[in-house]
Amino acid sequence: MVIEDTGIGIPPEQLLKIFDPFYQADGDMTREYGGVGLGLTIVKELVARLQGDIQVESHYGEGSTFTVFLPYRIG
């Protein structure tokens, strides 16, 4: 599954941190985008429980692409 957006993107130095609990790329109290920094942590945990993986590619100022890989069992 691939999820793409055309948002603000994620700076390269922050990509490894975005799945950490409570991490926010913009931690300023006057930030434009809300949230507490748990959404991606929860998604990563759910994907891991399904024995899958999640990857992100982002271009700052252009948007991000998240790819979720889940195992597929036949039978």
PDB file of N, CA and C in Angstrom:
ATOM      1  N   MET A   1       0.843  -1.155   0.000  1.00  0.00           N
ATOM      2  CA  MET A   1       0.000   0.000   0.000  1.00  0.00           C
ATOM      3  C   MET A   1       0.901   1.234   0.000  1.00  0.00           C
ATOM      4  N   VAL A   2       0.577   2.202  -0.826  1.00  0.00           N
ATOM      5  CA  VAL A   2       1.346   3.435  -0.925  1.00  0.00           C
ATOM      6  C   VAL A   2       0.435   4.617  -0.610  1.00  0.00           C
ATOM      7  N   ILE A   3       0.895   5.471   0.277  1.00  0.00           N
ATOM      8  CA  ILE A   3       0.167   6.691   0.635  1.00  0.00           C
ATOM      9  C   ILE A   3       1.080   7.865   0.310  1.00  0.00           C
ATOM     10  N   GLU A   4       0.602   8.776  -0.523  1.00  0.00           N
ATOM     11  CA  GLU A   4       1.393   9.934  -0.923  1.00  0.00           C
ATOM     12  C   GLU A   4       0.670  11.216  -0.531  1.00  0.00           C
ATOM     13  N   ASP A   5       1.446  12.230  -0.234  1.00  0.00           N
ATOM     14  CA  ASP A   5       0.859  13.539  -0.012  1.00  0.00           C
ATOM     15  C   ASP A   5       1.722  14.599  -0.685  1.00  0.00           C
ATOM     16  N   THR A   6       1.163  15.765  -0.803  1.00  0.00           N
ATOM     17  CA  THR A   6       1.893  16.889  -1.394  1.00  0.00           C
ATOM     18  C   THR A   6       2.082  17.974  -0.348  1.00  0.00           C
ATOM     19  N   GLY A   7       2.273  17.539   0.888  1.00  0.00           N
ATOM     20  CA  GLY A   7       2.427  18.472   2.003  1.00  0.00           C
ATOM     21  C   GLY A   7       3.797  19.104   2.057  1.00  0.00           C
ATOM     22  N   ILE A   8       4.225  19.430   3.265  1.00  0.00           N
ATOM     23  CA  ILE A   8       5.471  20.169   3.453  1.00  0.00           C
ATOM     24  C   ILE A   8       6.707  19.288   3.376  1.00  0.00           C
ATOM     25  N   GLY A   9       6.523  17.977   3.401  1.00  0.00           N
ATOM     26  CA  GLY A   9       7.666  17.075   3.364  1.00  0.00           C
ATOM     27  C   GLY A   9       8.387  17.033   4.700  1.00  0.00           C
ATOM     28  N   ILE A  10       9.404  16.189   4.770  1.00  0.00           N
ATOM     29  CA  ILE A  10      10.158  15.988   6.005  1.00  0.00           C
ATOM     30  C   ILE A  10      11.634  16.219   5.703  1.00  0.00           C
ATOM     31  N   PRO A  11      12.295  17.068   6.463  1.00  0.00           N
ATOM     32  CA  PRO A  11      13.726  17.277   6.242  1.00  0.00           C
ATOM     33  C   PRO A  11      14.500  15.966   6.417  1.00  0.00           C
ATOM     34  N   PRO A  12      15.509  15.714   5.603  1.00  0.00           N
ATOM     35  CA  PRO A  12      16.254  14.450   5.650  1.00  0.00           C
ATOM     36  C   PRO A  12      16.792  14.097   7.041  1.00  0.00           C
ATOM     37  N   GLU A  13      17.245  15.074   7.799  1.00  0.00           N
ATOM     38  CA  GLU A  13      17.818  14.796   9.115  1.00  0.00           C
ATOM     39  C   GLU A  13      16.765  14.362  10.141  1.00  0.00           C
ATOM     40  N   GLN A  14      15.488  14.489   9.800  1.00  0.00           N
ATOM     41  CA  GLN A  14      14.426  14.106  10.722  1.00  0.00           C
ATOM     42  C   GLN A  14      13.749  12.785  10.348  1.00  0.00           C
ATOM     43  N   LEU A  15      14.078  12.243   9.203  1.00  0.00           N
ATOM     44  CA  LEU A  15      13.403  11.030   8.729  1.00  0.00           C
ATOM     45  C   LEU A  15      13.533   9.849   9.692  1.00  0.00           C
ATOM     46  N   LEU A  16      14.673   9.678  10.324  1.00  0.00           N
ATOM     47  CA  LEU A  16      14.865   8.544  11.225  1.00  0.00           C
ATOM     48  C   LEU A  16      14.109   8.702  12.537  1.00  0.00           C
ATOM     49  N   LYS A  17      13.633   9.901  12.843  1.00  0.00           N
ATOM     50  CA  LYS A  17      12.977  10.170  14.122  1.00  0.00           C
ATOM     51  C   LYS A  17      11.457  10.175  14.049  1.00  0.00           C
ATOM     52  N   ILE A  18      10.881  10.232  12.866  1.00  0.00           N
ATOM     53  CA  ILE A  18       9.443  10.497  12.751  1.00  0.00           C
ATOM     54  C   ILE A  18       8.561   9.393  13.334  1.00  0.00           C
ATOM     55  N   PHE A  19       9.102   8.189  13.524  1.00  0.00           N
ATOM     56  CA  PHE A  19       8.316   7.105  14.107  1.00  0.00           C
ATOM     57  C   PHE A  19       8.493   7.021  15.624  1.00  0.00           C
ATOM     58  N   ASP A  20       9.328   7.894  16.204  1.00  0.00           N
ATOM     59  CA  ASP A  20       9.525   7.918  17.653  1.00  0.00           C
ATOM     60  C   ASP A  20       8.310   8.532  18.338  1.00  0.00           C
ATOM     61  N   PRO A  21       7.904   7.969  19.491  1.00  0.00           N
ATOM     62  CA  PRO A  21       6.760   8.537  20.208  1.00  0.00           C
ATOM     63  C   PRO A  21       6.985   9.998  20.567  1.00  0.00           C
ATOM     64  N   PHE A  22       5.973  10.786  20.330  1.00  0.00           N
ATOM     65  CA  PHE A  22       5.912  12.203  20.681  1.00  0.00           C
ATOM     66  C   PHE A  22       6.883  13.086  19.903  1.00  0.00           C
ATOM     67  N   TYR A  23       7.546  12.536  18.889  1.00  0.00           N
ATOM     68  CA  TYR A  23       8.451  13.356  18.094  1.00  0.00           C
ATOM     69  C   TYR A  23       7.635  14.209  17.126  1.00  0.00           C
ATOM     70  N   GLN A  24       7.981  15.468  17.036  1.00  0.00           N
ATOM     71  CA  GLN A  24       7.346  16.372  16.090  1.00  0.00           C
ATOM     72  C   GLN A  24       8.428  17.128  15.347  1.00  0.00           C
ATOM     73  N   ALA A  25       8.321  17.162  14.045  1.00  0.00           N
ATOM     74  CA  ALA A  25       9.309  17.874  13.239  1.00  0.00           C
ATOM     75  C   ALA A  25       9.348  19.348  13.634  1.00  0.00           C
ATOM     76  N   ASP A  26       8.183  19.893  13.948  1.00  0.00           N
ATOM     77  CA  ASP A  26       8.090  21.283  14.391  1.00  0.00           C
ATOM     78  C   ASP A  26       7.508  21.270  15.796  1.00  0.00           C
ATOM     79  N   GLY A  27       8.358  21.313  16.800  1.00  0.00           N
ATOM     80  CA  GLY A  27       7.921  21.248  18.183  1.00  0.00           C
ATOM     81  C   GLY A  27       7.553  22.588  18.788  1.00  0.00           C
ATOM     82  N   ASP A  28       7.582  23.642  18.010  1.00  0.00           N
ATOM     83  CA  ASP A  28       7.262  24.981  18.490  1.00  0.00           C
ATOM     84  C   ASP A  28       5.798  25.061  18.912  1.00  0.00           C
ATOM     85  N   MET A  29       5.523  25.764  19.981  1.00  0.00           N
ATOM     86  CA  MET A  29       4.148  25.904  20.473  1.00  0.00           C
ATOM     87  C   MET A  29       3.256  26.656  19.487  1.00  0.00           C
ATOM     88  N   THR A  30       3.822  27.424  18.595  1.00  0.00           N
ATOM     89  CA  THR A  30       3.028  28.186  17.630  1.00  0.00           C
ATOM     90  C   THR A  30       3.006  27.489  16.265  1.00  0.00           C
ATOM     91  N   ARG A  31       3.320  26.199  16.240  1.00  0.00           N
ATOM     92  CA  ARG A  31       3.405  25.473  14.973  1.00  0.00           C
ATOM     93  C   ARG A  31       2.071  25.489  14.226  1.00  0.00           C
ATOM     94  N   GLU A  32       2.170  25.404  12.930  1.00  0.00           N
ATOM     95  CA  GLU A  32       0.986  25.438  12.075  1.00  0.00           C
ATOM     96  C   GLU A  32       0.231  24.112  12.084  1.00  0.00           C
ATOM     97  N   TYR A  33       0.953  22.995  12.240  1.00  0.00           N
ATOM     98  CA  TYR A  33       0.328  21.671  12.175  1.00  0.00           C
ATOM     99  C   TYR A  33       0.260  21.083  13.568  1.00  0.00           C
ATOM    100  N   GLY A  34      -0.910  20.593  13.953  1.00  0.00           N
ATOM    101  CA  GLY A  34      -1.127  20.082  15.300  1.00  0.00           C
ATOM    102  C   GLY A  34      -0.715  18.631  15.460  1.00  0.00           C
ATOM    103  N   GLY A  35      -1.200  18.026  16.515  1.00  0.00           N
ATOM    104  CA  GLY A  35      -0.882  16.640  16.810  1.00  0.00           C
ATOM    105  C   GLY A  35       0.070  16.537  17.976  1.00  0.00           C
ATOM    106  N   VAL A  36       0.147  15.305  18.519  1.00  0.00           N
ATOM    107  CA  VAL A  36       1.024  15.079  19.667  1.00  0.00           C
ATOM    108  C   VAL A  36       2.208  14.189  19.318  1.00  0.00           C
ATOM    109  N   GLY A  37       2.291  13.731  18.084  1.00  0.00           N
ATOM    110  CA  GLY A  37       3.426  12.924  17.681  1.00  0.00           C
ATOM    111  C   GLY A  37       3.268  11.448  17.946  1.00  0.00           C
ATOM    112  N   LEU A  38       2.037  10.952  17.918  1.00  0.00           N
ATOM    113  CA  LEU A  38       1.809   9.525  18.147  1.00  0.00           C
ATOM    114  C   LEU A  38       1.293   8.780  16.924  1.00  0.00           C
ATOM    115  N   GLY A  39       0.785   9.470  15.942  1.00  0.00           N
ATOM    116  CA  GLY A  39       0.162   8.820  14.791  1.00  0.00           C
ATOM    117  C   GLY A  39       1.071   7.848  14.064  1.00  0.00           C
ATOM    118  N   LEU A  40       2.258   8.289  13.674  1.00  0.00           N
ATOM    119  CA  LEU A  40       3.174   7.409  12.943  1.00  0.00           C
ATOM    120  C   LEU A  40       3.737   6.308  13.841  1.00  0.00           C
ATOM    121  N   THR A  41       3.871   6.591  15.139  1.00  0.00           N
ATOM    122  CA  THR A  41       4.310   5.563  16.080  1.00  0.00           C
ATOM    123  C   THR A  41       3.291   4.439  16.136  1.00  0.00           C
ATOM    124  N   ILE A  42       2.020   4.790  16.202  1.00  0.00           N
ATOM    125  CA  ILE A  42       0.950   3.794  16.254  1.00  0.00           C
ATOM    126  C   ILE A  42       0.899   3.002  14.959  1.00  0.00           C
ATOM    127  N   VAL A  43       1.000   3.678  13.829  1.00  0.00           N
ATOM    128  CA  VAL A  43       0.985   2.983  12.540  1.00  0.00           C
ATOM    129  C   VAL A  43       2.139   1.995  12.459  1.00  0.00           C
ATOM    130  N   LYS A  44       3.335   2.417  12.836  1.00  0.00           N
ATOM    131  CA  LYS A  44       4.494   1.523  12.770  1.00  0.00           C
ATOM    132  C   LYS A  44       4.297   0.305  13.662  1.00  0.00           C
ATOM    133  N   GLU A  45       3.758   0.501  14.858  1.00  0.00           N
ATOM    134  CA  GLU A  45       3.510  -0.610  15.781  1.00  0.00           C
ATOM    135  C   GLU A  45       2.470  -1.587  15.210  1.00  0.00           C
ATOM    136  N   LEU A  46       1.393  -1.062  14.637  1.00  0.00           N
ATOM    137  CA  LEU A  46       0.375  -1.941  14.045  1.00  0.00           C
ATOM    138  C   LEU A  46       0.936  -2.740  12.874  1.00  0.00           C
ATOM    139  N   VAL A  47       1.699  -2.090  12.031  1.00  0.00           N
ATOM    140  CA  VAL A  47       2.310  -2.773  10.888  1.00  0.00           C
ATOM    141  C   VAL A  47       3.278  -3.847  11.385  1.00  0.00           C
ATOM    142  N   ALA A  48       4.047  -3.548  12.413  1.00  0.00           N
ATOM    143  CA  ALA A  48       4.988  -4.526  12.971  1.00  0.00           C
ATOM    144  C   ALA A  48       4.247  -5.734  13.546  1.00  0.00           C
ATOM    145  N   ARG A  49       3.123  -5.493  14.207  1.00  0.00           N
ATOM    146  CA  ARG A  49       2.328  -6.603  14.765  1.00  0.00           C
ATOM    147  C   ARG A  49       1.768  -7.503  13.677  1.00  0.00           C
ATOM    148  N   LEU A  50       1.599  -6.957  12.488  1.00  0.00           N
ATOM    149  CA  LEU A  50       1.144  -7.748  11.344  1.00  0.00           C
ATOM    150  C   LEU A  50       2.324  -8.334  10.563  1.00  0.00           C
ATOM    151  N   GLN A  51       3.504  -8.239  11.152  1.00  0.00           N
ATOM    152  CA  GLN A  51       4.754  -8.740  10.570  1.00  0.00           C
ATOM    153  C   GLN A  51       5.086  -8.045   9.248  1.00  0.00           C
ATOM    154  N   GLY A  52       4.796  -6.773   9.194  1.00  0.00           N
ATOM    155  CA  GLY A  52       5.074  -5.984   8.003  1.00  0.00           C
ATOM    156  C   GLY A  52       6.144  -4.940   8.257  1.00  0.00           C
ATOM    157  N   ASP A  53       6.242  -4.013   7.336  1.00  0.00           N
ATOM    158  CA  ASP A  53       7.233  -2.955   7.413  1.00  0.00           C
ATOM    159  C   ASP A  53       6.635  -1.686   6.815  1.00  0.00           C
ATOM    160  N   ILE A  54       7.130  -0.556   7.253  1.00  0.00           N
ATOM    161  CA  ILE A  54       6.721   0.721   6.687  1.00  0.00           C
ATOM    162  C   ILE A  54       7.985   1.506   6.341  1.00  0.00           C
ATOM    163  N   GLN A  55       7.972   2.123   5.179  1.00  0.00           N
ATOM    164  CA  GLN A  55       9.101   2.930   4.730  1.00  0.00           C
ATOM    165  C   GLN A  55       8.589   4.298   4.299  1.00  0.00           C
ATOM    166  N   VAL A  56       9.458   5.288   4.389  1.00  0.00           N
ATOM    167  CA  VAL A  56       9.078   6.645   4.001  1.00  0.00           C
ATOM    168  C   VAL A  56      10.149   7.230   3.096  1.00  0.00           C
ATOM    169  N   GLU A  57       9.682   7.959   2.111  1.00  0.00           N
ATOM    170  CA  GLU A  57      10.549   8.759   1.247  1.00  0.00           C
ATOM    171  C   GLU A  57       9.940  10.150   1.228  1.00  0.00           C
ATOM    172  N   SER A  58      10.763  11.150   1.415  1.00  0.00           N
ATOM    173  CA  SER A  58      10.228  12.500   1.479  1.00  0.00           C
ATOM    174  C   SER A  58      11.187  13.484   0.835  1.00  0.00           C
ATOM    175  N   HIS A  59      10.603  14.479   0.221  1.00  0.00           N
ATOM    176  CA  HIS A  59      11.361  15.580  -0.351  1.00  0.00           C
ATOM    177  C   HIS A  59      10.829  16.848   0.308  1.00  0.00           C
ATOM    178  N   TYR A  60      11.693  17.471   1.109  1.00  0.00           N
ATOM    179  CA  TYR A  60      11.270  18.646   1.860  1.00  0.00           C
ATOM    180  C   TYR A  60      10.730  19.717   0.912  1.00  0.00           C
ATOM    181  N   GLY A  61       9.537  20.189   1.200  1.00  0.00           N
ATOM    182  CA  GLY A  61       8.883  21.199   0.387  1.00  0.00           C
ATOM    183  C   GLY A  61       8.013  20.623  -0.716  1.00  0.00           C
ATOM    184  N   GLU A  62       8.044  19.305  -0.887  1.00  0.00           N
ATOM    185  CA  GLU A  62       7.287  18.677  -1.973  1.00  0.00           C
ATOM    186  C   GLU A  62       6.290  17.628  -1.505  1.00  0.00           C
ATOM    187  N   GLY A  63       6.567  16.941  -0.397  1.00  0.00           N
ATOM    188  CA  GLY A  63       5.651  15.922   0.072  1.00  0.00           C
ATOM    189  C   GLY A  63       6.365  14.640   0.448  1.00  0.00           C
ATOM    190  N   SER A  64       5.565  13.654   0.848  1.00  0.00           N
ATOM    191  CA  SER A  64       6.102  12.391   1.344  1.00  0.00           C
ATOM    192  C   SER A  64       5.347  11.216   0.752  1.00  0.00           C
ATOM    193  N   THR A  65       6.029  10.084   0.708  1.00  0.00           N
ATOM    194  CA  THR A  65       5.418   8.828   0.286  1.00  0.00           C
ATOM    195  C   THR A  65       5.710   7.777   1.341  1.00  0.00           C
ATOM    196  N   PHE A  66       4.668   7.191   1.881  1.00  0.00           N
ATOM    197  CA  PHE A  66       4.787   6.108   2.850  1.00  0.00           C
ATOM    198  C   PHE A  66       4.360   4.822   2.151  1.00  0.00           C
ATOM    199  N   THR A  67       5.183   3.794   2.280  1.00  0.00           N
ATOM    200  CA  THR A  67       4.876   2.495   1.680  1.00  0.00           C
ATOM    201  C   THR A  67       4.788   1.461   2.793  1.00  0.00           C
ATOM    202  N   VAL A  68       3.670   0.751   2.837  1.00  0.00           N
ATOM    203  CA  VAL A  68       3.429  -0.285   3.844  1.00  0.00           C
ATOM    204  C   VAL A  68       3.514  -1.637   3.152  1.00  0.00           C
ATOM    205  N   PHE A  69       4.345  -2.503   3.709  1.00  0.00           N
ATOM    206  CA  PHE A  69       4.493  -3.859   3.192  1.00  0.00           C
ATOM    207  C   PHE A  69       3.909  -4.816   4.243  1.00  0.00           C
ATOM    208  N   LEU A  70       2.953  -5.639   3.816  1.00  0.00           N
ATOM    209  CA  LEU A  70       2.361  -6.635   4.695  1.00  0.00           C
ATOM    210  C   LEU A  70       2.501  -8.008   4.057  1.00  0.00           C
ATOM    211  N   PRO A  71       2.708  -9.046   4.893  1.00  0.00           N
ATOM    212  CA  PRO A  71       2.824 -10.380   4.318  1.00  0.00           C
ATOM    213  C   PRO A  71       1.484 -10.843   3.747  1.00  0.00           C
ATOM    214  N   TYR A  72       1.563 -11.608   2.710  1.00  0.00           N
ATOM    215  CA  TYR A  72       0.363 -12.121   2.058  1.00  0.00           C
ATOM    216  C   TYR A  72       0.427 -13.645   2.117  1.00  0.00           C
ATOM    217  N   ARG A  73      -0.580 -14.218   2.702  1.00  0.00           N
ATOM    218  CA  ARG A  73      -0.612 -15.677   2.821  1.00  0.00           C
ATOM    219  C   ARG A  73      -1.755 -16.223   1.972  1.00  0.00           C
ATOM    220  N   ILE A  74      -1.434 -17.216   1.186  1.00  0.00           N
ATOM    221  CA  ILE A  74      -2.458 -17.891   0.367  1.00  0.00           C
ATOM    222  C   ILE A  74      -2.839 -19.184   1.085  1.00  0.00           C
ATOM    223  N   GLY A  75      -4.156 -19.364   1.229  1.00  0.00           N
ATOM    224  CA  GLY A  75      -4.614 -20.630   1.799  1.00  0.00           C
ATOM    225  C   GLY A  75      -5.111 -20.528   3.125  1.00  0.00           C
TER     226      GLY A  75
END
